[in-house]
C-alpha atoms as a PDB file:
ATOM      1  CA  MET A   1      80.195 227.580 235.835  1.00  0.00           C
ATOM      2  CA  LEU A   2      78.719 226.342 232.586  1.00  0.00           C
ATOM      3  CA  LEU A   3      80.435 223.214 231.267  1.00  0.00           C
ATOM      4  CA  LEU A   4      80.203 221.896 227.720  1.00  0.00           C
ATOM      5  CA  ILE A   5      80.888 218.147 227.648  1.00  0.00           C
ATOM      6  CA  THR A   6      81.405 216.039 224.536  1.00  0.00           C
ATOM      7  CA  ASP A   7      81.807 212.305 224.108  1.00  0.00           C
ATOM      8  CA  THR A   8      82.435 211.036 220.576  1.00  0.00           C
ATOM      9  CA  SER A   9      84.448 207.966 221.592  1.00  0.00           C
ATOM     10  CA  GLY A  10      81.750 205.369 220.913  1.00  0.00           C
ATOM     11  CA  LYS A  11      79.452 204.315 218.093  1.00  0.00           C
ATOM     12  CA  ASP A  12      77.081 207.073 219.187  1.00  0.00           C
ATOM     13  CA  GLY A  13      77.930 210.212 221.117  1.00  0.00           C
ATOM     14  CA  THR A  14      76.616 213.039 223.239  1.00  0.00           C
ATOM     15  CA  VAL A  15      76.883 216.775 223.753  1.00  0.00           C
ATOM     16  CA  THR A  16      75.978 217.931 227.246  1.00  0.00           C
ATOM     17  CA  LEU A  17      75.487 221.175 229.101  1.00  0.00           C
ATOM     18  CA  ALA A  18      76.088 221.091 232.849  1.00  0.00           C
ATOM     19  CA  ARG A  19      76.393 223.623 235.627  1.00  0.00           C
ATOM     20  CA  ALA A  20      78.980 223.139 238.334  1.00  0.00           C
ATOM     21  CA  GLY A  21      79.920 224.748 241.631  1.00  0.00           C
ATOM     22  CA  GLU A  22      77.112 227.296 241.674  1.00  0.00           C
ATOM     23  CA  LEU A  23      75.662 226.406 245.100  1.00  0.00           C
ATOM     24  CA  ASP A  24      78.159 223.834 246.305  1.00  0.00           C
ATOM     25  CA  PRO A  25      81.754 223.701 244.984  1.00  0.00           C
ATOM     26  CA  HIS A  26      81.435 219.925 244.580  1.00  0.00           C
ATOM     27  CA  ASP A  27      78.018 219.958 242.936  1.00  0.00           C
ATOM     28  CA  VAL A  28      77.470 219.242 239.226  1.00  0.00           C
ATOM     29  CA  GLU A  29      74.030 219.404 237.616  1.00  0.00           C
ATOM     30  CA  VAL A  30      73.438 218.101 234.097  1.00  0.00           C
ATOM     31  CA  VAL A  31      71.223 220.603 232.294  1.00  0.00           C
ATOM     32  CA  GLU A  32      70.559 218.664 229.081  1.00  0.00           C
ATOM     33  CA  VAL A  33      72.075 215.903 226.965  1.00  0.00           C
ATOM     34  CA  ALA A  34      71.807 215.917 223.169  1.00  0.00           C
ATOM     35  CA  PRO A  35      72.498 212.627 221.343  1.00  0.00           C
ATOM     36  CA  LEU A  36      74.846 212.337 218.389  1.00  0.00           C
ATOM     37  CA  VAL A  37      74.182 209.577 215.871  1.00  0.00           C
ATOM     38  CA  GLY A  38      77.259 207.558 214.985  1.00  0.00           C
ATOM     39  CA  GLY A  39      78.815 208.028 211.574  1.00  0.00           C
ATOM     40  CA  THR A  40      77.807 211.669 211.209  1.00  0.00           C
ATOM     41  CA  PHE A  41      79.554 213.367 214.129  1.00  0.00           C
ATOM     42  CA  SER A  42      81.259 215.876 211.839  1.00  0.00           C
ATOM     43  CA  ALA A  43      77.907 217.111 210.532  1.00  0.00           C
ATOM     44  CA  GLN A  44      76.105 217.118 213.888  1.00  0.00           C
ATOM     45  CA  LEU A  45      78.524 218.228 216.567  1.00  0.00           C
ATOM     46  CA  VAL A  46      78.789 221.996 216.067  1.00  0.00           C
ATOM     47  CA  PRO A  47      75.081 222.445 215.146  1.00  0.00           C
ATOM     48  CA  GLN A  48      74.065 220.467 218.253  1.00  0.00           C
ATOM     49  CA  ILE A  49      76.280 222.628 220.440  1.00  0.00           C
ATOM     50  CA  ALA A  50      74.727 225.781 218.953  1.00  0.00           C
ATOM     51  CA  ALA A  51      71.198 224.390 219.313  1.00  0.00           C
ATOM     52  CA  LEU A  52      71.723 223.416 222.970  1.00  0.00           C
ATOM     53  CA  LEU A  53      73.091 226.825 223.873  1.00  0.00           C
ATOM     54  CA  SER A  54      70.316 228.632 222.016  1.00  0.00           C
ATOM     55  CA  LYS A  55      67.611 226.489 223.630  1.00  0.00           C
ATOM     56  CA  HIS A  56      68.763 227.593 227.080  1.00  0.00           C
ATOM     57  CA  GLY A  57      69.244 231.237 226.136  1.00  0.00           C
ATOM     58  CA  LEU A  58      73.018 230.961 226.176  1.00  0.00           C
ATOM     59  CA  GLY A  59      75.853 231.805 223.819  1.00  0.00           C
ATOM     60  CA  LYS A  60      79.345 230.424 223.291  1.00  0.00           C
ATOM     61  CA  ALA A  61      80.772 233.141 225.544  1.00  0.00           C
ATOM     62  CA  ASP A  62      78.796 231.690 228.486  1.00  0.00           C
ATOM     63  CA  ILE A  63      80.836 228.460 228.401  1.00  0.00           C
ATOM     64  CA  GLY A  64      83.254 228.380 231.320  1.00  0.00           C
ATOM     65  CA  ALA A  65      85.164 225.240 230.397  1.00  0.00           C
ATOM     66  CA  PHE A  66      85.149 222.242 228.070  1.00  0.00           C
ATOM     67  CA  ILE A  67      85.211 218.610 229.176  1.00  0.00           C
ATOM     68  CA  VAL A  68      85.966 216.107 226.434  1.00  0.00           C
ATOM     69  CA  VAL A  69      86.285 212.320 226.459  1.00  0.00           C
ATOM     70  CA  ALA A  70      89.724 211.712 224.991  1.00  0.00           C
ATOM     71  CA  GLY A  71      89.495 207.971 224.403  1.00  0.00           C
ATOM     72  CA  PRO A  72      90.206 205.233 223.823  1.00  0.00           C
ATOM     73  CA  GLY A  73      87.555 204.589 221.209  1.00  0.00           C
ATOM     74  CA  SER A  74      86.553 205.353 217.657  1.00  0.00           C
ATOM     75  CA  PHE A  75      89.420 206.879 215.675  1.00  0.00           C
ATOM     76  CA  THR A  76      87.187 209.047 213.487  1.00  0.00           C
ATOM     77  CA  GLY A  77      84.807 209.996 216.288  1.00  0.00           C
ATOM     78  CA  LEU A  78      87.591 211.105 218.609  1.00  0.00           C
ATOM     79  CA  ARG A  79      89.334 213.047 215.867  1.00  0.00           C
ATOM     80  CA  VAL A  80      86.147 214.962 214.988  1.00  0.00           C
ATOM     81  CA  GLY A  81      85.164 215.608 218.604  1.00  0.00           C
ATOM     82  CA  LEU A  82      88.545 216.835 219.741  1.00  0.00           C
ATOM     83  CA  ALA A  83      89.034 219.029 216.671  1.00  0.00           C
ATOM     84  CA  ALA A  84      85.793 220.882 217.412  1.00  0.00           C
ATOM     85  CA  ILE A  85      86.696 221.434 221.073  1.00  0.00           C
ATOM     86  CA  LYS A  86      90.232 222.556 220.181  1.00  0.00           C
ATOM     87  CA  ALA A  87      88.790 225.219 217.860  1.00  0.00           C
ATOM     88  CA  LEU A  88      86.152 226.469 220.298  1.00  0.00           C
ATOM     89  CA  ALA A  89      88.521 226.545 223.266  1.00  0.00           C
ATOM     90  CA  GLU A  90      91.139 228.452 221.305  1.00  0.00           C
ATOM     91  CA  ILE A  91      88.639 231.049 220.082  1.00  0.00           C
ATOM     92  CA  LEU A  92      87.004 231.488 223.507  1.00  0.00           C
ATOM     93  CA  ARG A  93      90.228 231.077 225.514  1.00  0.00           C
ATOM     94  CA  LYS A  94      88.586 228.622 227.892  1.00  0.00           C
ATOM     95  CA  PRO A  95      90.197 225.633 229.662  1.00  0.00           C
ATOM     96  CA  ILE A  96      89.856 222.036 228.489  1.00  0.00           C
ATOM     97  CA  VAL A  97      89.715 218.931 230.640  1.00  0.00           C
ATOM     98  CA  ALA A  98      90.514 215.651 228.862  1.00  0.00           C
ATOM     99  CA  VAL A  99      88.759 212.621 230.370  1.00  0.00           C
ATOM    100  CA  PRO A 100      90.462 209.230 229.815  1.00  0.00           C
ATOM    101  CA  LEU A 101      87.790 206.536 229.813  1.00  0.00           C
ATOM    102  CA  LEU A 102      90.000 203.749 231.155  1.00  0.00           C
ATOM    103  CA  GLU A 103      91.023 205.836 234.147  1.00  0.00           C
ATOM    104  CA  LEU A 104      87.384 206.703 234.824  1.00  0.00           C
ATOM    105  CA  VAL A 105      86.406 203.010 234.674  1.00  0.00           C
ATOM    106  CA  ALA A 106      89.172 202.192 237.149  1.00  0.00           C
ATOM    107  CA  ILE A 107      88.091 204.925 239.577  1.00  0.00           C
ATOM    108  CA  ALA A 108      84.417 203.931 239.253  1.00  0.00           C
ATOM    109  CA  SER A 109      85.301 200.501 240.663  1.00  0.00           C
ATOM    110  CA  HIS A 110      86.125 202.124 244.046  1.00  0.00           C
ATOM    111  CA  ILE A 111      88.998 199.657 244.413  1.00  0.00           C
ATOM    112  CA  GLN A 112      92.096 200.874 246.227  1.00  0.00           C
ATOM    113  CA  GLY A 113      95.589 199.868 245.195  1.00  0.00           C
ATOM    114  CA  LYS A 114      96.307 198.227 241.853  1.00  0.00           C
ATOM    115  CA  VAL A 115      93.416 197.762 239.449  1.00  0.00           C
ATOM    116  CA  VAL A 116      93.156 196.839 235.780  1.00  0.00           C
ATOM    117  CA  ALA A 117      90.534 198.618 233.662  1.00  0.00           C
ATOM    118  CA  ALA A 118      89.413 196.838 230.493  1.00  0.00           C
ATOM    119  CA  MET A 119      87.073 197.754 227.650  1.00  0.00           C
ATOM    120  CA  ASP A 120      86.202 195.923 224.457  1.00  0.00           C
ATOM    121  CA  GLY A 121      88.485 197.231 221.714  1.00  0.00           C
ATOM    122  CA  GLY A 122      86.804 195.324 218.881  1.00  0.00           C
ATOM    123  CA  ARG A 123      88.579 192.959 216.470  1.00  0.00           C
ATOM    124  CA  GLY A 124      89.197 190.554 219.352  1.00  0.00           C
ATOM    125  CA  GLU A 125      91.290 193.152 221.185  1.00  0.00           C
ATOM    126  CA  VAL A 126      91.066 194.871 224.564  1.00  0.00           C
ATOM    127  CA  PHE A 127      91.691 198.448 225.676  1.00  0.00           C
ATOM    128  CA  PHE A 128      93.845 197.736 228.738  1.00  0.00           C
ATOM    129  CA  GLY A 129      94.923 200.070 231.527  1.00  0.00           C
ATOM    130  CA  ALA A 130      96.694 199.332 234.815  1.00  0.00           C
ATOM    131  CA  TYR A 131      96.494 201.915 237.593  1.00  0.00           C
ATOM    132  CA  GLU A 132      97.451 202.480 241.193  1.00  0.00           C
ATOM    133  CA  LEU A 133      94.445 204.017 242.952  1.00  0.00           C
ATOM    134  CA  ALA A 134      94.509 206.097 246.118  1.00  0.00           C
ATOM    135  CA  GLY A 135      91.186 207.678 247.022  1.00  0.00           C
ATOM    136  CA  GLU A 136      89.853 209.301 243.855  1.00  0.00           C
ATOM    137  CA  SER A 137      93.265 209.758 242.241  1.00  0.00           C
ATOM    138  CA  ALA A 138      94.869 207.323 239.829  1.00  0.00           C
ATOM    139  CA  ARG A 139      98.455 206.832 238.762  1.00  0.00           C
ATOM    140  CA  MET A 140      98.698 205.174 235.356  1.00  0.00           C
ATOM    141  CA  LEU A 141     101.084 202.240 235.197  1.00  0.00           C
ATOM    142  CA  ARG A 142     100.439 201.291 231.569  1.00  0.00           C
ATOM    143  CA  GLU A 143      97.815 201.658 228.846  1.00  0.00           C
ATOM    144  CA  GLU A 144      97.774 199.711 225.614  1.00  0.00           C
ATOM    145  CA  LEU A 145      95.726 197.746 223.136  1.00  0.00           C
ATOM    146  CA  VAL A 146      96.214 194.010 223.707  1.00  0.00           C
ATOM    147  CA  SER A 147      94.786 190.709 222.540  1.00  0.00           C
ATOM    148  CA  ARG A 148      92.278 188.942 224.789  1.00  0.00           C
ATOM    149  CA  VAL A 149      94.880 186.294 225.551  1.00  0.00           C
ATOM    150  CA  ASP A 150      97.403 188.937 226.588  1.00  0.00           C
ATOM    151  CA  PHE A 151      94.745 190.719 228.662  1.00  0.00           C
ATOM    152  CA  LEU A 152      94.227 187.595 230.748  1.00  0.00           C
ATOM    153  CA  SER A 153      97.964 187.232 231.218  1.00  0.00           C
ATOM    154  CA  LEU A 154      98.608 190.887 232.063  1.00  0.00           C
ATOM    155  CA  ALA A 155      95.651 191.112 234.441  1.00  0.00           C
ATOM    156  CA  ARG A 156      96.664 188.000 236.370  1.00  0.00           C
ATOM    157  CA  ASP A 157      96.695 188.603 240.151  1.00  0.00           C
ATOM    158  CA  SER A 158      94.906 191.942 239.693  1.00  0.00           C
ATOM    159  CA  SER A 159      91.412 193.211 240.394  1.00  0.00           C
ATOM    160  CA  VAL A 160      89.638 193.903 237.105  1.00  0.00           C
ATOM    161  CA  ALA A 161      87.117 196.659 236.411  1.00  0.00           C
ATOM    162  CA  THR A 162      85.439 196.231 233.048  1.00  0.00           C
ATOM    163  CA  THR A 163      82.459 197.473 231.067  1.00  0.00           C
ATOM    164  CA  ASP A 164      82.312 194.282 229.000  1.00  0.00           C
ATOM    165  CA  ALA A 165      80.397 191.191 230.168  1.00  0.00           C
ATOM    166  CA  ALA A 166      82.504 188.783 228.087  1.00  0.00           C
ATOM    167  CA  LEU A 167      85.749 190.153 229.493  1.00  0.00           C
ATOM    168  CA  ALA A 168      84.300 189.952 233.006  1.00  0.00           C
ATOM    169  CA  ALA A 169      83.352 186.293 232.498  1.00  0.00           C
ATOM    170  CA  ALA A 170      86.771 185.402 231.077  1.00  0.00           C
ATOM    171  CA  ALA A 171      88.552 187.129 233.969  1.00  0.00           C
ATOM    172  CA  ARG A 172      86.385 185.314 236.535  1.00  0.00           C
ATOM    173  CA  ASP A 173      87.115 181.992 234.838  1.00  0.00           C
ATOM    174  CA  HIS A 174      90.806 182.731 235.407  1.00  0.00           C
ATOM    175  CA  GLY A 175      90.286 183.371 239.109  1.00  0.00           C
ATOM    176  CA  MET A 176      90.409 187.170 239.067  1.00  0.00           C
ATOM    177  CA  ALA A 177      88.345 189.479 241.243  1.00  0.00           C
ATOM    178  CA  VAL A 178      86.019 191.255 238.813  1.00  0.00           C
ATOM    179  CA  PHE A 179      84.081 194.496 239.274  1.00  0.00           C
ATOM    180  CA  PRO A 180      81.564 195.008 236.436  1.00  0.00           C
ATOM    181  CA  ILE A 181      81.195 198.699 235.596  1.00  0.00           C
ATOM    182  CA  GLU A 182      78.619 200.393 233.391  1.00  0.00           C
ATOM    183  CA  ARG A 183      80.072 202.438 230.549  1.00  0.00           C
ATOM    184  CA  PRO A 184      80.660 205.846 232.149  1.00  0.00           C
ATOM    185  CA  THR A 185      77.516 207.983 232.059  1.00  0.00           C
ATOM    186  CA  VAL A 186      77.366 211.666 231.213  1.00  0.00           C
ATOM    187  CA  GLU A 187      76.944 212.406 234.927  1.00  0.00           C
ATOM    188  CA  MET A 188      80.097 210.434 235.784  1.00  0.00           C
ATOM    189  CA  ILE A 189      82.071 212.180 233.044  1.00  0.00           C
ATOM    190  CA  ALA A 190      80.818 215.595 234.201  1.00  0.00           C
ATOM    191  CA  ARG A 191      81.732 215.018 237.853  1.00  0.00           C
ATOM    192  CA  PHE A 192      85.113 213.517 236.993  1.00  0.00           C
ATOM    193  CA  GLY A 193      85.888 216.389 234.632  1.00  0.00           C
ATOM    194  CA  TRP A 194      84.776 219.010 237.150  1.00  0.00           C
ATOM    195  CA  ARG A 195      87.039 217.479 239.798  1.00  0.00           C
ATOM    196  CA  LYS A 196      89.977 217.631 237.382  1.00  0.00           C
ATOM    197  CA  LEU A 197      89.127 221.222 236.490  1.00  0.00           C
ATOM    198  CA  ARG A 198      89.084 222.259 240.150  1.00  0.00           C
ATOM    199  CA  ALA A 199      92.481 220.592 240.534  1.00  0.00           C
ATOM    200  CA  ALA A 200      93.732 222.616 237.530  1.00  0.00           C
ATOM    201  CA  GLU A 201      94.336 219.417 235.532  1.00  0.00           C
ATOM    202  CA  THR A 202      93.669 221.080 232.188  1.00  0.00           C
ATOM    203  CA  VAL A 203      95.238 221.048 228.738  1.00  0.00           C
ATOM    204  CA  SER A 204      95.697 223.738 226.126  1.00  0.00           C
ATOM    205  CA  PRO A 205      94.037 223.398 222.706  1.00  0.00           C
ATOM    206  CA  GLU A 206      97.390 222.526 221.125  1.00  0.00           C
ATOM    207  CA  GLY A 207      98.088 220.027 223.920  1.00  0.00           C
ATOM    208  CA  LEU A 208      94.772 218.172 223.593  1.00  0.00           C
ATOM    209  CA  GLU A 209      95.375 214.755 222.041  1.00  0.00           C
ATOM    210  CA  ALA A 210      93.193 211.717 221.557  1.00  0.00           C
ATOM    211  CA  ASN A 211      94.181 208.513 223.307  1.00  0.00           C
ATOM    212  CA  TYR A 212      93.469 206.225 220.377  1.00  0.00           C
ATOM    213  CA  LEU A 213      95.589 203.240 221.538  1.00  0.00           C
ATOM    214  CA  ARG A 214      94.819 201.759 218.106  1.00  0.00           C
ATOM    215  CA  ARG A 215      96.219 203.298 214.938  1.00  0.00           C
ATOM    216  CA  SER A 216      93.832 204.243 212.168  1.00  0.00           C
ATOM    217  CA  ASP A 217      93.004 201.805 209.378  1.00  0.00           C
ATOM    218  CA  ALA A 218      94.855 204.144 206.993  1.00  0.00           C
ATOM    219  CA  GLU A 219      98.058 203.882 209.035  1.00  0.00           C
ATOM    220  CA  LEU A 220      97.760 200.129 209.273  1.00  0.00           C
ATOM    221  CA  PHE A 221      97.206 199.888 205.502  1.00  0.00           C
ATOM    222  CA  VAL A 222     100.255 202.045 204.736  1.00  0.00           C
ATOM    223  CA  LYS A 223     102.452 199.990 207.081  1.00  0.00           C
ATOM    224  CA  SER A 224     101.237 196.660 205.693  1.00  0.00           C
ATOM    225  CA  GLY A 225     101.854 197.856 202.137  1.00  0.00           C
ATOM    226  CA  SER A 226     105.338 199.214 202.791  1.00  0.00           C
END
């Protein structure tokens, strides 16, 4: 099956083609990754998708499923990325798998039982998720945007998986077991998404929502001015 994978959650992004389950049902092979430069996702995303497909002699109808990083991350980037996938999936009537980054970070730690996943949220804040892990499945206990002080309090007595060196150092200083994790790669996202697809953990175009955790600057401005 041909998978189209998008990640517009960070400062920069990617569009990826991958093939999955063609020789081995568990196998995923990344065909090619095209970079997206931050700040211009809306202008690049659809043309990059078209260019990737054309380069490999493929068309939109060849896509078997969409895998999209659903956040947390950049408000504008996520909004643009998910809007494009919603439109394509609705037109092509293909399934969508939403990949939550915090859950993927937690699973990548290979810890069993309770684990806290943490990513830098900017502005002195932390994207925080607590999960109960069993094998490669995760049950979310809570996800929220917290201050760094609250992160250290909430993560107390937990194992911490984090992509951020400063958060890792702070957690160690407070006596926590820390598992540094690289920001999930395209290969990790592809394999995680393929596993969810095989388990029928998909969403409809109208059901696909970004996990912003933080409200947009516009929302914050309106609330502060009300």
